[in-house]
Amino acid sequence: MAGQHFSLETGQDTLLAVVLGATLATLGGFLAGQFERYIHQRERERNAALLFGEILSSLKFLIYLADASRSRGDPYGVITQRMIRAAQRETEAYDRNRESLYDLRRANDRARIHSILVRMTLAVDGVLSAYDAINSVDPALRAGEAAEADGDHSARLKILMDDRVFAFNYAVALAEEIPDLLKSLNGVANYSFETHEKLMRRTMGID
């Protein structure tokens, strides 16, 4: 009887050890999976912050250059137009990667990024649409030589020019909202976008 009692207790202890081992293994696997998922999500969030931070930083810089070029020579000449088209490409990059916005956990950051970039897209597209419409007008009229001869076209040209100025100024105003948002993304991206802009300025020889 004593041997049977010992054997029963041993069997129970062995079963308990197996169950406990299996439970701990399952729990360990679950925790390891959760940790791996957390690390993956954090990496996706960091990549998204880097992506949108660089888009915003480039947009701010390009709008700054375009605005600065308005004070030299032809305010809306070829250089200014090229800067605006480069800014448009940045807004298109956002549109192609917009689904990555949901990798950012802070809803406030997502809303602010989307709001600025949607409005910037409208502003930049407005500037370029006005450019194209103005360029389609007769060159003599654009130069003011036919203003008195064709009052309707002259009035239309003035409206287009006013639209271009309004859209351009709106883009400049939006660019001024970007630095505060970049500060919010610095920590998530583990990167200084202020340093990023300084490097861009240095590359282009701008103090």
N, C-alpha and C. Protein backbone atom coordinates (compact mmCIF):
# COMPACT_ATOMS: atom_id res chain seq x y z
N MET A 1 0.82 -1.20 0.00
CA MET A 1 0.00 0.00 0.00
C MET A 1 0.86 1.25 0.00
N ALA A 2 1.94 1.19 0.78
CA ALA A 2 2.82 2.36 0.85
C ALA A 2 3.45 2.64 -0.50
N GLY A 3 3.79 1.54 -1.22
CA GLY A 3 4.40 1.71 -2.52
C GLY A 3 3.43 2.31 -3.51
N GLN A 4 2.15 1.83 -3.40
CA GLN A 4 1.13 2.38 -4.29
C GLN A 4 0.89 3.85 -3.99
N HIS A 5 0.87 4.19 -2.67
CA HIS A 5 0.66 5.58 -2.27
C HIS A 5 1.77 6.48 -2.80
N PHE A 6 2.99 5.94 -2.71
CA PHE A 6 4.13 6.71 -3.21
C PHE A 6 4.05 6.89 -4.73
N SER A 7 3.66 5.83 -5.40
CA SER A 7 3.56 5.88 -6.86
C SER A 7 2.48 6.86 -7.31
N LEU A 8 1.37 6.89 -6.57
CA LEU A 8 0.27 7.81 -6.90
C LEU A 8 0.70 9.25 -6.73
N GLU A 9 1.36 9.54 -5.61
CA GLU A 9 1.83 10.90 -5.36
C GLU A 9 2.86 11.33 -6.41
N THR A 10 3.72 10.40 -6.77
CA THR A 10 4.74 10.70 -7.78
C THR A 10 4.10 11.01 -9.12
N GLY A 11 3.07 10.19 -9.47
CA GLY A 11 2.36 10.42 -10.73
C GLY A 11 1.65 11.76 -10.74
N GLN A 12 1.05 12.12 -9.60
CA GLN A 12 0.36 13.40 -9.51
C GLN A 12 1.35 14.56 -9.63
N ASP A 13 2.50 14.40 -8.97
CA ASP A 13 3.52 15.45 -9.05
C ASP A 13 4.03 15.60 -10.49
N THR A 14 4.21 14.46 -11.16
CA THR A 14 4.69 14.50 -12.55
C THR A 14 3.67 15.18 -13.45
N LEU A 15 2.38 14.83 -13.27
CA LEU A 15 1.31 15.44 -14.07
C LEU A 15 1.25 16.94 -13.82
N LEU A 16 1.36 17.33 -12.54
CA LEU A 16 1.33 18.75 -12.19
C LEU A 16 2.50 19.49 -12.83
N ALA A 17 3.66 18.86 -12.84
CA ALA A 17 4.84 19.48 -13.44
C ALA A 17 4.67 19.65 -14.95
N VAL A 18 4.07 18.62 -15.58
CA VAL A 18 3.83 18.70 -17.03
C VAL A 18 2.86 19.83 -17.36
N VAL A 19 1.75 19.87 -16.57
CA VAL A 19 0.74 20.91 -16.79
C VAL A 19 1.32 22.29 -16.56
N LEU A 20 2.08 22.41 -15.47
CA LEU A 20 2.69 23.70 -15.16
C LEU A 20 3.70 24.10 -16.23
N GLY A 21 4.48 23.14 -16.69
CA GLY A 21 5.45 23.43 -17.74
C GLY A 21 4.78 23.87 -19.03
N ALA A 22 3.69 23.16 -19.37
CA ALA A 22 2.96 23.52 -20.59
C ALA A 22 2.34 24.90 -20.48
N THR A 23 1.80 25.20 -19.27
CA THR A 23 1.20 26.51 -19.04
C THR A 23 2.23 27.62 -19.17
N LEU A 24 3.39 27.40 -18.54
CA LEU A 24 4.45 28.41 -18.60
C LEU A 24 4.97 28.58 -20.03
N ALA A 25 5.06 27.48 -20.76
CA ALA A 25 5.52 27.56 -22.15
C ALA A 25 4.53 28.34 -23.00
N THR A 26 3.23 28.08 -22.78
CA THR A 26 2.19 28.80 -23.52
C THR A 26 2.22 30.28 -23.19
N LEU A 27 2.32 30.57 -21.88
CA LEU A 27 2.37 31.96 -21.43
C LEU A 27 3.61 32.66 -21.99
N GLY A 28 4.74 31.96 -21.97
CA GLY A 28 5.97 32.54 -22.50
C GLY A 28 5.86 32.82 -23.98
N GLY A 29 5.26 31.89 -24.71
CA GLY A 29 5.06 32.10 -26.14
C GLY A 29 4.13 33.27 -26.42
N PHE A 30 3.08 33.37 -25.60
CA PHE A 30 2.13 34.48 -25.77
C PHE A 30 2.81 35.82 -25.51
N LEU A 31 3.58 35.89 -24.40
CA LEU A 31 4.27 37.13 -24.07
C LEU A 31 5.32 37.48 -25.12
N ALA A 32 6.02 36.45 -25.61
CA ALA A 32 7.03 36.70 -26.65
C ALA A 32 6.37 37.23 -27.91
N GLY A 33 5.19 36.66 -28.27
CA GLY A 33 4.46 37.13 -29.44
C GLY A 33 3.98 38.56 -29.27
N GLN A 34 3.47 38.86 -28.06
CA GLN A 34 3.01 40.22 -27.79
C GLN A 34 4.16 41.22 -27.85
N PHE A 35 5.30 40.83 -27.30
CA PHE A 35 6.47 41.72 -27.32
C PHE A 35 6.95 41.94 -28.75
N GLU A 36 6.98 40.85 -29.54
CA GLU A 36 7.41 40.96 -30.93
C GLU A 36 6.45 41.86 -31.72
N ARG A 37 5.13 41.73 -31.44
CA ARG A 37 4.13 42.57 -32.10
C ARG A 37 4.32 44.03 -31.71
N TYR A 38 4.61 44.26 -30.44
CA TYR A 38 4.83 45.62 -29.95
C TYR A 38 6.04 46.25 -30.64
N ILE A 39 7.14 45.49 -30.73
CA ILE A 39 8.35 45.99 -31.38
C ILE A 39 8.07 46.29 -32.85
N HIS A 40 7.31 45.42 -33.51
CA HIS A 40 6.97 45.62 -34.92
C HIS A 40 6.12 46.88 -35.11
N GLN A 41 5.15 47.06 -34.22
CA GLN A 41 4.30 48.25 -34.30
C GLN A 41 5.10 49.52 -34.06
N ARG A 42 6.00 49.46 -33.09
CA ARG A 42 6.85 50.63 -32.81
C ARG A 42 7.73 50.96 -34.00
N GLU A 43 8.25 49.94 -34.67
CA GLU A 43 9.10 50.16 -35.84
C GLU A 43 8.29 50.78 -36.99
N ARG A 44 7.07 50.27 -37.17
CA ARG A 44 6.20 50.83 -38.21
C ARG A 44 5.85 52.28 -37.88
N GLU A 45 5.61 52.56 -36.61
CA GLU A 45 5.28 53.92 -36.20
C GLU A 45 6.47 54.85 -36.44
N ARG A 46 7.66 54.38 -36.10
CA ARG A 46 8.86 55.20 -36.30
C ARG A 46 9.07 55.46 -37.79
N ASN A 47 8.90 54.44 -38.61
CA ASN A 47 9.07 54.62 -40.06
C ASN A 47 8.05 55.61 -40.61
N ALA A 48 6.82 55.54 -40.12
CA ALA A 48 5.77 56.47 -40.57
C ALA A 48 6.11 57.90 -40.16
N ALA A 49 6.59 58.06 -38.93
CA ALA A 49 6.97 59.40 -38.45
C ALA A 49 8.12 59.96 -39.27
N LEU A 50 9.08 59.10 -39.61
CA LEU A 50 10.20 59.53 -40.45
C LEU A 50 9.71 59.94 -41.84
N LEU A 51 8.84 59.14 -42.41
CA LEU A 51 8.33 59.41 -43.76
C LEU A 51 7.59 60.74 -43.81
N PHE A 52 6.61 60.91 -42.93
CA PHE A 52 5.80 62.13 -42.97
C PHE A 52 6.58 63.34 -42.48
N GLY A 53 7.50 63.11 -41.55
CA GLY A 53 8.33 64.20 -41.09
C GLY A 53 9.22 64.73 -42.21
N GLU A 54 9.79 63.83 -43.00
CA GLU A 54 10.64 64.26 -44.12
C GLU A 54 9.83 64.94 -45.22
N ILE A 55 8.61 64.44 -45.47
CA ILE A 55 7.75 65.09 -46.45
C ILE A 55 7.40 66.51 -46.01
N LEU A 56 7.02 66.64 -44.75
CA LEU A 56 6.66 67.96 -44.22
C LEU A 56 7.86 68.90 -44.20
N SER A 57 9.00 68.37 -43.78
CA SER A 57 10.21 69.18 -43.73
C SER A 57 10.62 69.66 -45.13
N SER A 58 10.54 68.76 -46.11
CA SER A 58 10.87 69.14 -47.49
C SER A 58 9.88 70.16 -48.03
N LEU A 59 8.60 69.97 -47.73
CA LEU A 59 7.58 70.92 -48.17
C LEU A 59 7.85 72.31 -47.61
N LYS A 60 8.14 72.37 -46.33
CA LYS A 60 8.42 73.65 -45.69
C LYS A 60 9.61 74.33 -46.36
N PHE A 61 10.65 73.56 -46.63
CA PHE A 61 11.85 74.11 -47.23
C PHE A 61 11.59 74.59 -48.66
N LEU A 62 10.85 73.80 -49.44
CA LEU A 62 10.57 74.17 -50.83
C LEU A 62 9.68 75.41 -50.92
N ILE A 63 8.70 75.50 -50.04
CA ILE A 63 7.83 76.68 -50.04
C ILE A 63 8.63 77.91 -49.61
N TYR A 64 9.55 77.71 -48.68
CA TYR A 64 10.43 78.82 -48.27
C TYR A 64 11.27 79.30 -49.46
N LEU A 65 11.85 78.36 -50.20
CA LEU A 65 12.67 78.74 -51.37
C LEU A 65 11.82 79.42 -52.44
N ALA A 66 10.62 78.88 -52.67
CA ALA A 66 9.74 79.47 -53.68
C ALA A 66 9.35 80.89 -53.29
N ASP A 67 9.05 81.08 -52.01
CA ASP A 67 8.67 82.41 -51.53
C ASP A 67 9.85 83.37 -51.63
N ALA A 68 11.05 82.88 -51.29
CA ALA A 68 12.25 83.73 -51.38
C ALA A 68 12.53 84.13 -52.82
N SER A 69 12.24 83.24 -53.77
CA SER A 69 12.53 83.54 -55.17
C SER A 69 11.58 84.61 -55.72
N ARG A 70 10.45 84.83 -55.04
CA ARG A 70 9.52 85.87 -55.51
C ARG A 70 10.10 87.27 -55.35
N SER A 71 11.11 87.39 -54.49
CA SER A 71 11.69 88.72 -54.26
C SER A 71 12.85 89.01 -55.21
N ARG A 72 13.12 88.07 -56.13
CA ARG A 72 14.23 88.26 -57.05
C ARG A 72 13.74 88.14 -58.49
N GLY A 73 13.97 89.14 -59.28
CA GLY A 73 13.60 89.08 -60.69
C GLY A 73 12.10 88.93 -60.89
N ASP A 74 11.73 88.04 -61.80
CA ASP A 74 10.32 87.77 -62.07
C ASP A 74 9.75 87.01 -60.87
N PRO A 75 8.79 87.61 -60.14
CA PRO A 75 8.27 86.98 -58.93
C PRO A 75 7.72 85.57 -59.16
N TYR A 76 7.18 85.33 -60.35
CA TYR A 76 6.59 84.02 -60.64
C TYR A 76 7.24 83.40 -61.88
N GLY A 77 8.56 83.53 -61.91
CA GLY A 77 9.33 83.01 -63.04
C GLY A 77 9.56 81.52 -62.96
N VAL A 78 10.48 81.05 -63.79
CA VAL A 78 10.74 79.62 -63.94
C VAL A 78 11.22 78.98 -62.64
N ILE A 79 12.11 79.65 -61.92
CA ILE A 79 12.65 79.08 -60.67
C ILE A 79 11.54 78.89 -59.64
N THR A 80 10.72 79.92 -59.48
CA THR A 80 9.61 79.82 -58.53
C THR A 80 8.67 78.67 -58.91
N GLN A 81 8.38 78.58 -60.19
CA GLN A 81 7.47 77.53 -60.67
C GLN A 81 8.06 76.14 -60.42
N ARG A 82 9.36 75.99 -60.63
CA ARG A 82 10.00 74.69 -60.39
C ARG A 82 9.92 74.28 -58.92
N MET A 83 10.10 75.26 -58.04
CA MET A 83 10.00 74.97 -56.60
C MET A 83 8.58 74.51 -56.24
N ILE A 84 7.60 75.17 -56.81
CA ILE A 84 6.21 74.78 -56.52
C ILE A 84 5.91 73.39 -57.08
N ARG A 85 6.45 73.07 -58.25
CA ARG A 85 6.23 71.74 -58.81
C ARG A 85 6.93 70.67 -57.95
N ALA A 86 8.09 71.01 -57.40
CA ALA A 86 8.77 70.09 -56.49
C ALA A 86 7.93 69.88 -55.22
N ALA A 87 7.31 70.96 -54.74
CA ALA A 87 6.43 70.85 -53.59
C ALA A 87 5.23 69.96 -53.92
N GLN A 88 4.73 70.08 -55.13
CA GLN A 88 3.60 69.23 -55.55
C GLN A 88 4.00 67.75 -55.50
N ARG A 89 5.22 67.44 -55.90
CA ARG A 89 5.67 66.05 -55.85
C ARG A 89 5.72 65.52 -54.43
N GLU A 90 6.02 66.39 -53.47
CA GLU A 90 6.01 65.97 -52.07
C GLU A 90 4.59 65.66 -51.61
N THR A 91 3.62 66.47 -52.03
CA THR A 91 2.23 66.18 -51.66
C THR A 91 1.76 64.89 -52.32
N GLU A 92 2.25 64.60 -53.52
CA GLU A 92 1.90 63.34 -54.19
C GLU A 92 2.51 62.15 -53.46
N ALA A 93 3.70 62.34 -52.89
CA ALA A 93 4.34 61.28 -52.10
C ALA A 93 3.48 60.96 -50.88
N TYR A 94 2.92 61.99 -50.27
CA TYR A 94 2.01 61.77 -49.14
C TYR A 94 0.79 60.96 -49.58
N ASP A 95 0.21 61.34 -50.71
CA ASP A 95 -0.99 60.67 -51.19
C ASP A 95 -0.73 59.19 -51.46
N ARG A 96 0.47 58.87 -51.97
CA ARG A 96 0.82 57.47 -52.26
C ARG A 96 1.02 56.66 -50.98
N ASN A 97 1.40 57.32 -49.90
CA ASN A 97 1.73 56.60 -48.66
C ASN A 97 0.75 56.91 -47.53
N ARG A 98 -0.42 57.41 -47.87
CA ARG A 98 -1.35 57.88 -46.85
C ARG A 98 -1.78 56.78 -45.88
N GLU A 99 -1.83 55.51 -46.35
CA GLU A 99 -2.25 54.43 -45.45
C GLU A 99 -1.30 54.26 -44.28
N SER A 100 -0.04 54.67 -44.45
CA SER A 100 0.94 54.57 -43.36
C SER A 100 0.62 55.52 -42.22
N LEU A 101 -0.27 56.47 -42.46
CA LEU A 101 -0.65 57.42 -41.41
C LEU A 101 -1.23 56.70 -40.21
N TYR A 102 -1.90 55.56 -40.46
CA TYR A 102 -2.55 54.83 -39.37
C TYR A 102 -1.55 54.07 -38.50
N ASP A 103 -0.29 54.07 -38.89
CA ASP A 103 0.74 53.47 -38.03
C ASP A 103 1.11 54.40 -36.88
N LEU A 104 0.73 55.67 -36.99
CA LEU A 104 0.96 56.62 -35.90
C LEU A 104 -0.14 56.46 -34.87
N ARG A 105 0.23 56.23 -33.62
CA ARG A 105 -0.77 55.95 -32.59
C ARG A 105 -1.51 57.19 -32.13
N ARG A 106 -0.83 58.36 -32.14
CA ARG A 106 -1.48 59.57 -31.63
C ARG A 106 -2.44 60.13 -32.67
N ALA A 107 -3.71 60.12 -32.32
CA ALA A 107 -4.75 60.59 -33.25
C ALA A 107 -4.54 62.06 -33.60
N ASN A 108 -4.05 62.85 -32.64
CA ASN A 108 -3.84 64.27 -32.89
C ASN A 108 -2.80 64.49 -33.98
N ASP A 109 -1.72 63.70 -33.94
CA ASP A 109 -0.69 63.82 -34.98
C ASP A 109 -1.25 63.43 -36.34
N ARG A 110 -2.02 62.35 -36.38
CA ARG A 110 -2.61 61.91 -37.66
C ARG A 110 -3.50 63.00 -38.24
N ALA A 111 -4.33 63.58 -37.40
CA ALA A 111 -5.27 64.61 -37.87
C ALA A 111 -4.52 65.84 -38.37
N ARG A 112 -3.50 66.26 -37.64
CA ARG A 112 -2.76 67.46 -38.02
C ARG A 112 -1.98 67.26 -39.33
N ILE A 113 -1.35 66.09 -39.46
CA ILE A 113 -0.61 65.80 -40.69
C ILE A 113 -1.55 65.80 -41.89
N HIS A 114 -2.66 65.10 -41.75
CA HIS A 114 -3.60 65.01 -42.86
C HIS A 114 -4.18 66.38 -43.21
N SER A 115 -4.51 67.15 -42.19
CA SER A 115 -5.10 68.48 -42.43
C SER A 115 -4.13 69.39 -43.18
N ILE A 116 -2.89 69.45 -42.71
CA ILE A 116 -1.91 70.33 -43.36
C ILE A 116 -1.63 69.88 -44.79
N LEU A 117 -1.46 68.57 -44.99
CA LEU A 117 -1.09 68.10 -46.32
C LEU A 117 -2.25 68.18 -47.31
N VAL A 118 -3.46 67.99 -46.87
CA VAL A 118 -4.60 68.16 -47.78
C VAL A 118 -4.72 69.62 -48.19
N ARG A 119 -4.60 70.52 -47.22
CA ARG A 119 -4.69 71.95 -47.54
C ARG A 119 -3.50 72.41 -48.39
N MET A 120 -2.32 71.86 -48.11
CA MET A 120 -1.15 72.22 -48.90
C MET A 120 -1.31 71.72 -50.34
N THR A 121 -1.89 70.54 -50.51
CA THR A 121 -2.14 70.01 -51.85
C THR A 121 -3.04 70.96 -52.63
N LEU A 122 -4.11 71.42 -51.98
CA LEU A 122 -5.04 72.34 -52.63
C LEU A 122 -4.34 73.65 -53.00
N ALA A 123 -3.50 74.16 -52.08
CA ALA A 123 -2.80 75.42 -52.33
C ALA A 123 -1.82 75.30 -53.49
N VAL A 124 -1.00 74.26 -53.46
CA VAL A 124 0.01 74.06 -54.51
C VAL A 124 -0.65 73.81 -55.86
N ASP A 125 -1.69 72.98 -55.86
CA ASP A 125 -2.42 72.72 -57.12
C ASP A 125 -3.05 74.01 -57.64
N GLY A 126 -3.52 74.85 -56.71
CA GLY A 126 -4.11 76.13 -57.11
C GLY A 126 -3.10 77.04 -57.77
N VAL A 127 -1.89 77.08 -57.22
CA VAL A 127 -0.83 77.91 -57.81
C VAL A 127 -0.50 77.43 -59.22
N LEU A 128 -0.34 76.11 -59.36
CA LEU A 128 0.05 75.57 -60.66
C LEU A 128 -1.08 75.67 -61.68
N SER A 129 -2.32 75.52 -61.24
CA SER A 129 -3.45 75.68 -62.16
C SER A 129 -3.51 77.10 -62.68
N ALA A 130 -3.26 78.06 -61.78
CA ALA A 130 -3.24 79.46 -62.19
C ALA A 130 -2.10 79.72 -63.17
N TYR A 131 -0.93 79.12 -62.90
CA TYR A 131 0.22 79.24 -63.81
C TYR A 131 -0.18 78.78 -65.21
N ASP A 132 -0.77 77.57 -65.27
CA ASP A 132 -1.12 77.00 -66.58
C ASP A 132 -2.15 77.87 -67.31
N ALA A 133 -3.14 78.37 -66.56
CA ALA A 133 -4.17 79.21 -67.19
C ALA A 133 -3.58 80.53 -67.69
N ILE A 134 -2.69 81.10 -66.89
CA ILE A 134 -2.05 82.37 -67.30
C ILE A 134 -1.18 82.16 -68.53
N ASN A 135 -0.44 81.03 -68.55
CA ASN A 135 0.43 80.75 -69.69
C ASN A 135 -0.34 80.47 -70.97
N SER A 136 -1.61 80.12 -70.83
CA SER A 136 -2.43 79.86 -72.02
C SER A 136 -2.98 81.14 -72.63
N VAL A 137 -2.85 82.25 -71.89
CA VAL A 137 -3.31 83.54 -72.39
C VAL A 137 -2.32 84.06 -73.43
N ASP A 138 -2.83 84.82 -74.38
CA ASP A 138 -1.99 85.39 -75.43
C ASP A 138 -0.81 86.15 -74.82
N PRO A 139 0.43 85.88 -75.26
CA PRO A 139 1.61 86.55 -74.70
C PRO A 139 1.52 88.07 -74.74
N ALA A 140 0.96 88.64 -75.79
CA ALA A 140 0.84 90.10 -75.89
C ALA A 140 -0.07 90.64 -74.80
N LEU A 141 -1.12 89.88 -74.49
CA LEU A 141 -2.03 90.30 -73.44
C LEU A 141 -1.35 90.21 -72.08
N ARG A 142 -0.57 89.14 -71.88
CA ARG A 142 0.14 88.99 -70.61
C ARG A 142 1.11 90.15 -70.40
N ALA A 143 1.69 90.62 -71.47
CA ALA A 143 2.63 91.74 -71.38
C ALA A 143 1.92 93.07 -71.22
N GLY A 144 0.61 93.08 -71.29
CA GLY A 144 -0.15 94.32 -71.11
C GLY A 144 -0.35 95.11 -72.37
N GLU A 145 0.10 94.59 -73.52
CA GLU A 145 0.01 95.34 -74.77
C GLU A 145 -1.41 95.37 -75.33
N ALA A 146 -2.24 94.36 -74.97
CA ALA A 146 -3.59 94.30 -75.52
C ALA A 146 -4.65 94.53 -74.46
N ALA A 147 -4.25 95.06 -73.33
CA ALA A 147 -5.18 95.22 -72.21
C ALA A 147 -6.37 96.09 -72.59
N GLU A 148 -6.10 97.21 -73.25
CA GLU A 148 -7.19 98.11 -73.60
C GLU A 148 -8.03 97.55 -74.75
N ALA A 149 -7.41 96.79 -75.64
CA ALA A 149 -8.11 96.26 -76.80
C ALA A 149 -9.06 95.13 -76.44
N ASP A 150 -8.77 94.42 -75.34
CA ASP A 150 -9.59 93.28 -74.98
C ASP A 150 -9.82 93.30 -73.47
N GLY A 151 -10.79 94.09 -73.05
CA GLY A 151 -11.03 94.27 -71.62
C GLY A 151 -11.45 93.00 -70.92
N ASP A 152 -12.26 92.15 -71.58
CA ASP A 152 -12.72 90.92 -70.95
C ASP A 152 -11.56 89.98 -70.64
N HIS A 153 -10.68 89.80 -71.62
CA HIS A 153 -9.52 88.93 -71.40
C HIS A 153 -8.58 89.53 -70.36
N SER A 154 -8.45 90.83 -70.36
CA SER A 154 -7.59 91.48 -69.39
C SER A 154 -8.12 91.27 -67.97
N ALA A 155 -9.44 91.38 -67.81
CA ALA A 155 -10.05 91.16 -66.49
C ALA A 155 -9.86 89.72 -66.05
N ARG A 156 -10.01 88.79 -67.01
CA ARG A 156 -9.81 87.37 -66.71
C ARG A 156 -8.38 87.10 -66.28
N LEU A 157 -7.43 87.73 -66.95
CA LEU A 157 -6.02 87.56 -66.61
C LEU A 157 -5.73 88.07 -65.20
N LYS A 158 -6.34 89.18 -64.83
CA LYS A 158 -6.13 89.74 -63.49
C LYS A 158 -6.68 88.79 -62.43
N ILE A 159 -7.82 88.19 -62.70
CA ILE A 159 -8.40 87.24 -61.75
C ILE A 159 -7.47 86.05 -61.56
N LEU A 160 -6.92 85.55 -62.65
CA LEU A 160 -6.00 84.41 -62.58
C LEU A 160 -4.74 84.76 -61.78
N MET A 161 -4.22 85.96 -62.01
CA MET A 161 -3.02 86.40 -61.28
C MET A 161 -3.32 86.56 -59.79
N ASP A 162 -4.50 87.09 -59.48
CA ASP A 162 -4.90 87.23 -58.08
C ASP A 162 -5.07 85.86 -57.43
N ASP A 163 -5.62 84.91 -58.18
CA ASP A 163 -5.78 83.55 -57.66
C ASP A 163 -4.42 82.93 -57.35
N ARG A 164 -3.46 83.18 -58.22
CA ARG A 164 -2.13 82.63 -58.02
C ARG A 164 -1.49 83.20 -56.76
N VAL A 165 -1.62 84.50 -56.57
CA VAL A 165 -1.06 85.14 -55.37
C VAL A 165 -1.73 84.60 -54.11
N PHE A 166 -3.06 84.48 -54.15
CA PHE A 166 -3.80 83.99 -52.98
C PHE A 166 -3.37 82.57 -52.63
N ALA A 167 -3.34 81.67 -53.63
CA ALA A 167 -2.96 80.28 -53.38
C ALA A 167 -1.52 80.18 -52.89
N PHE A 168 -0.64 81.00 -53.46
CA PHE A 168 0.77 80.99 -53.05
C PHE A 168 0.91 81.45 -51.60
N ASN A 169 0.25 82.54 -51.26
CA ASN A 169 0.32 83.06 -49.89
C ASN A 169 -0.28 82.07 -48.89
N TYR A 170 -1.31 81.34 -49.32
CA TYR A 170 -1.91 80.33 -48.45
C TYR A 170 -0.92 79.20 -48.19
N ALA A 171 -0.18 78.80 -49.21
CA ALA A 171 0.84 77.76 -49.04
C ALA A 171 1.93 78.22 -48.07
N VAL A 172 2.33 79.48 -48.17
CA VAL A 172 3.34 80.03 -47.26
C VAL A 172 2.83 80.02 -45.83
N ALA A 173 1.56 80.40 -45.65
CA ALA A 173 0.97 80.40 -44.30
C ALA A 173 0.91 78.99 -43.73
N LEU A 174 0.57 78.02 -44.57
CA LEU A 174 0.51 76.63 -44.12
C LEU A 174 1.89 76.12 -43.72
N ALA A 175 2.91 76.52 -44.47
CA ALA A 175 4.28 76.08 -44.17
C ALA A 175 4.71 76.53 -42.79
N GLU A 176 4.15 77.64 -42.32
CA GLU A 176 4.49 78.14 -40.99
C GLU A 176 3.90 77.28 -39.87
N GLU A 177 2.93 76.42 -40.20
CA GLU A 177 2.35 75.52 -39.21
C GLU A 177 3.19 74.24 -39.05
N ILE A 178 4.08 73.99 -40.00
CA ILE A 178 4.80 72.72 -40.03
C ILE A 178 5.81 72.54 -38.88
N PRO A 179 6.61 73.55 -38.51
CA PRO A 179 7.63 73.32 -37.47
C PRO A 179 7.06 72.77 -36.17
N ASP A 180 5.92 73.27 -35.73
CA ASP A 180 5.34 72.78 -34.48
C ASP A 180 4.96 71.30 -34.58
N LEU A 181 4.45 70.90 -35.73
CA LEU A 181 4.10 69.49 -35.94
C LEU A 181 5.35 68.62 -35.98
N LEU A 182 6.41 69.12 -36.59
CA LEU A 182 7.65 68.35 -36.65
C LEU A 182 8.22 68.10 -35.25
N LYS A 183 8.04 69.06 -34.36
CA LYS A 183 8.51 68.86 -32.98
C LYS A 183 7.79 67.68 -32.34
N SER A 184 6.51 67.53 -32.66
CA SER A 184 5.73 66.42 -32.13
C SER A 184 6.19 65.08 -32.69
N LEU A 185 6.71 65.09 -33.93
CA LEU A 185 7.15 63.85 -34.58
C LEU A 185 8.59 63.48 -34.23
N ASN A 186 9.36 64.44 -33.73
CA ASN A 186 10.77 64.18 -33.41
C ASN A 186 10.93 62.97 -32.50
N GLY A 187 10.15 62.94 -31.41
CA GLY A 187 10.28 61.88 -30.43
C GLY A 187 9.88 60.52 -30.98
N VAL A 188 8.81 60.49 -31.76
CA VAL A 188 8.33 59.23 -32.35
C VAL A 188 9.34 58.69 -33.35
N ALA A 189 9.88 59.57 -34.16
CA ALA A 189 10.84 59.17 -35.19
C ALA A 189 12.24 58.93 -34.63
N ASN A 190 12.47 59.41 -33.41
CA ASN A 190 13.81 59.36 -32.82
C ASN A 190 14.82 60.02 -33.75
N TYR A 191 14.42 61.19 -34.24
CA TYR A 191 15.21 61.91 -35.24
C TYR A 191 14.87 63.39 -35.14
N SER A 192 15.87 64.24 -35.38
CA SER A 192 15.65 65.68 -35.34
C SER A 192 15.42 66.21 -36.75
N PHE A 193 14.20 66.64 -37.01
CA PHE A 193 13.90 67.20 -38.34
C PHE A 193 14.47 68.61 -38.49
N GLU A 194 14.78 69.25 -37.38
CA GLU A 194 15.47 70.53 -37.46
C GLU A 194 16.87 70.32 -38.03
N THR A 195 17.52 69.25 -37.59
CA THR A 195 18.83 68.90 -38.14
C THR A 195 18.71 68.53 -39.61
N HIS A 196 17.63 67.85 -39.96
CA HIS A 196 17.37 67.47 -41.34
C HIS A 196 17.29 68.71 -42.24
N GLU A 197 16.59 69.73 -41.77
CA GLU A 197 16.46 70.96 -42.56
C GLU A 197 17.81 71.69 -42.65
N LYS A 198 18.57 71.68 -41.55
CA LYS A 198 19.88 72.32 -41.58
C LYS A 198 20.79 71.66 -42.62
N LEU A 199 20.69 70.33 -42.72
CA LEU A 199 21.49 69.62 -43.71
C LEU A 199 21.08 70.00 -45.13
N MET A 200 19.76 70.14 -45.35
CA MET A 200 19.28 70.55 -46.67
C MET A 200 19.77 71.95 -47.01
N ARG A 201 19.72 72.85 -46.03
CA ARG A 201 20.19 74.22 -46.25
C ARG A 201 21.68 74.22 -46.57
N ARG A 202 22.44 73.44 -45.83
CA ARG A 202 23.89 73.39 -46.03
C ARG A 202 24.22 72.84 -47.41
N THR A 203 23.45 71.80 -47.83
CA THR A 203 23.67 71.19 -49.14
C THR A 203 23.46 72.20 -50.26
N MET A 204 22.48 73.09 -50.06
CA MET A 204 22.16 74.09 -51.10
C MET A 204 22.90 75.40 -50.88
N GLY A 205 23.78 75.44 -49.86
CA GLY A 205 24.55 76.65 -49.62
C GLY A 205 23.74 77.80 -49.09
N ILE A 206 22.70 77.48 -48.29
CA ILE A 206 21.83 78.50 -47.70
C ILE A 206 22.13 78.60 -46.22
N ASP A 207 22.34 79.81 -45.72
CA ASP A 207 22.63 79.99 -44.29
C ASP A 207 21.35 79.81 -43.48
